[in-house]
Amino acid sequence: MATTKKKSYDGFTAEEQAAMKEHAKELKSKQDPAEAQAAKIAGMADADRVMAERLNELIPQIAPDLTPKLWYGMPGWAKDGKIVCFFQDAAKFKARYATFGFNPPAALDDGDFWPTSYALLELTPAVEKKIVALVKKAAG
C-alpha cells in the first residue's frame, strides 16, 4: 500500500499565525475584555497607541452598545459578542499604516459597494469626526 506524504500549508505569514494563536487564547481567556484590550493597547508603538487609546475612549461614548473585545490580538468593539469595528496597529502585520475597520455586523451597507477598512495615519479632528459618523451608523 502506497503512503502519501502530508503536505503542510505555509501560506500564512508568521504574523498571521501569531494572530490566530492570539485569537485562540482570547476565546479561552477569563480576563476582563476591557482590561485585556487596555493591556494590548499599552503595548503598541507610540503613534498607534495614541490613536488606539483615543478610539477606546471615543467609541463607548458614541456607541455605548459596543463593548471592548480583543479580536485576533487587535482592539475591537462588539455588539452581541460579534466584532463590529476594530483597530489594527501598523506593526500587527508589518504594514506602513494602522487600519480602522469594520466587520459584516456593521450596518454600513451602501448599495453594491462600500469600504470596510480605512488606513489611519493620524487621528485628527476631521478624521475623528468621520470615524464618529461611521461608528454610529455601524452600531445601528
Protein backbone atom coordinates (compact mmCIF):
# COMPACT_ATOMS: atom_id res chain seq x y z
CA MET A 1 0.00 0.00 0.00
CA ALA A 2 1.41 3.35 -1.01
CA THR A 3 1.61 6.10 1.55
CA THR A 4 1.35 9.74 0.75
CA LYS A 5 3.26 12.49 2.41
CA LYS A 6 1.22 15.00 4.29
CA LYS A 7 1.66 18.39 2.76
CA SER A 8 1.89 21.35 5.04
CA TYR A 9 0.40 24.67 4.12
CA ASP A 10 2.81 27.50 4.72
CA GLY A 11 0.76 30.23 3.09
CA PHE A 12 0.19 32.05 6.38
CA THR A 13 2.78 34.59 7.41
CA ALA A 14 4.32 34.43 10.86
CA GLU A 15 2.19 37.44 11.79
CA GLU A 16 -1.00 35.73 10.62
CA GLN A 17 -0.10 32.57 12.53
CA ALA A 18 0.55 34.65 15.65
CA ALA A 19 -2.81 36.39 15.25
CA MET A 20 -4.59 33.03 15.03
CA LYS A 21 -2.82 31.85 18.20
CA GLU A 22 -3.82 35.08 19.93
CA HIS A 23 -7.43 34.54 18.90
CA ALA A 24 -7.40 31.01 20.32
CA LYS A 25 -6.10 32.40 23.63
CA GLU A 26 -8.76 35.14 23.59
CA LEU A 27 -11.50 32.54 23.22
CA LYS A 28 -10.22 30.66 26.28
CA SER A 29 -9.36 33.71 28.38
CA LYS A 30 -11.14 34.53 31.61
CA GLN A 31 -9.60 38.03 31.68
CA ASP A 32 -11.94 41.01 31.62
CA PRO A 33 -12.18 42.06 27.94
CA ALA A 34 -11.72 45.76 28.74
CA GLU A 35 -8.56 45.01 30.75
CA ALA A 36 -7.21 42.73 28.02
CA GLN A 37 -7.85 45.43 25.44
CA ALA A 38 -6.19 48.13 27.56
CA ALA A 39 -3.13 45.91 28.03
CA LYS A 40 -2.90 45.23 24.27
CA ILE A 41 -3.14 48.95 23.50
CA ALA A 42 -0.48 49.77 26.12
CA GLY A 43 1.98 47.53 24.25
CA MET A 44 1.62 49.32 20.91
CA ALA A 45 4.16 51.66 19.36
CA ASP A 46 3.65 55.29 20.40
CA ALA A 47 1.76 56.74 17.42
CA ASP A 48 -0.59 53.75 17.11
CA ARG A 49 -1.05 53.55 20.88
CA VAL A 50 -2.21 57.17 21.00
CA MET A 51 -4.79 56.53 18.28
CA ALA A 52 -5.98 53.28 19.88
CA GLU A 53 -6.30 54.93 23.30
CA ARG A 54 -8.40 57.72 21.78
CA LEU A 55 -10.62 55.24 19.95
CA ASN A 56 -11.01 53.27 23.18
CA GLU A 57 -12.26 56.46 24.88
CA LEU A 58 -14.38 57.65 21.98
CA ILE A 59 -16.25 54.51 20.89
CA PRO A 60 -18.03 53.83 24.21
CA GLN A 61 -19.19 57.47 24.23
CA ILE A 62 -20.69 57.38 20.74
CA ALA A 63 -21.86 53.76 20.70
CA PRO A 64 -22.49 52.59 24.27
CA ASP A 65 -23.90 49.28 22.98
CA LEU A 66 -20.45 48.32 21.69
CA THR A 67 -18.23 46.56 24.21
CA PRO A 68 -14.44 46.16 24.12
CA LYS A 69 -13.20 42.79 22.97
CA LEU A 70 -9.89 41.61 21.57
CA TRP A 71 -10.13 40.17 18.09
CA TYR A 72 -7.09 38.29 16.74
CA GLY A 73 -4.96 40.34 19.13
CA MET A 74 -6.43 43.65 17.99
CA PRO A 75 -8.67 46.01 19.92
CA GLY A 76 -12.22 45.54 18.76
CA TRP A 77 -15.67 46.66 19.77
CA ALA A 78 -18.50 44.16 19.70
CA LYS A 79 -22.28 44.11 19.70
CA ASP A 80 -23.91 40.95 20.99
CA GLY A 81 -20.48 39.32 21.07
CA LYS A 82 -19.72 39.98 17.39
CA ILE A 83 -16.96 42.40 16.38
CA VAL A 84 -18.39 45.46 14.66
CA CYS A 85 -15.21 47.53 14.34
CA PHE A 86 -11.53 47.11 15.15
CA PHE A 87 -8.18 48.89 15.21
CA GLN A 88 -5.17 47.19 13.64
CA ASP A 89 -1.87 48.79 14.56
CA ALA A 90 0.72 49.04 11.80
CA ALA A 91 3.09 46.59 13.49
CA LYS A 92 0.44 43.84 13.61
CA PHE A 93 1.11 42.75 10.02
CA LYS A 94 4.16 44.93 9.34
CA ALA A 95 2.08 47.46 7.40
CA ARG A 96 3.03 51.03 6.73
CA TYR A 97 -0.14 52.34 8.37
CA ALA A 98 -2.68 51.44 11.04
CA THR A 99 -6.18 50.41 9.98
CA PHE A 100 -9.62 51.10 11.37
CA GLY A 101 -12.00 48.52 10.02
CA PHE A 102 -15.49 47.10 10.14
CA ASN A 103 -16.81 43.54 10.05
CA PRO A 104 -20.05 42.27 8.49
CA PRO A 105 -22.20 43.03 11.59
CA ALA A 106 -21.55 46.75 10.94
CA ALA A 107 -24.60 48.35 9.38
CA LEU A 108 -22.63 50.27 6.76
CA ASP A 109 -24.19 48.83 3.61
CA ASP A 110 -24.38 51.42 0.86
CA GLY A 111 -25.61 49.95 -2.41
CA ASP A 112 -23.37 47.41 -4.07
CA PHE A 113 -20.00 48.81 -2.94
CA TRP A 114 -18.66 50.33 0.29
CA PRO A 115 -15.36 50.39 2.19
CA THR A 116 -14.83 48.07 5.14
CA SER A 117 -11.49 49.43 6.34
CA TYR A 118 -9.57 52.67 6.32
CA ALA A 119 -5.87 53.47 6.50
CA LEU A 120 -5.27 55.58 9.59
CA LEU A 121 -2.12 57.68 9.82
CA GLU A 122 -3.27 60.22 12.39
CA LEU A 123 -6.42 60.77 14.39
CA THR A 124 -7.04 64.43 13.53
CA PRO A 125 -10.31 66.20 14.46
CA ALA A 126 -11.54 65.76 10.86
CA VAL A 127 -10.72 62.04 10.84
CA GLU A 128 -12.26 61.62 14.28
CA LYS A 129 -15.47 63.24 13.01
CA LYS A 130 -15.62 60.73 10.14
CA ILE A 131 -14.99 57.81 12.50
CA VAL A 132 -17.74 59.03 14.84
CA ALA A 133 -20.24 59.08 11.96
CA LEU A 134 -19.17 55.62 10.73
CA VAL A 135 -19.27 54.02 14.18
CA LYS A 136 -22.70 55.50 14.92
CA LYS A 137 -24.01 54.05 11.67
CA ALA A 138 -22.18 50.73 12.15
CA ALA A 139 -23.58 50.27 15.65
CA GLY A 140 -27.08 50.65 14.26
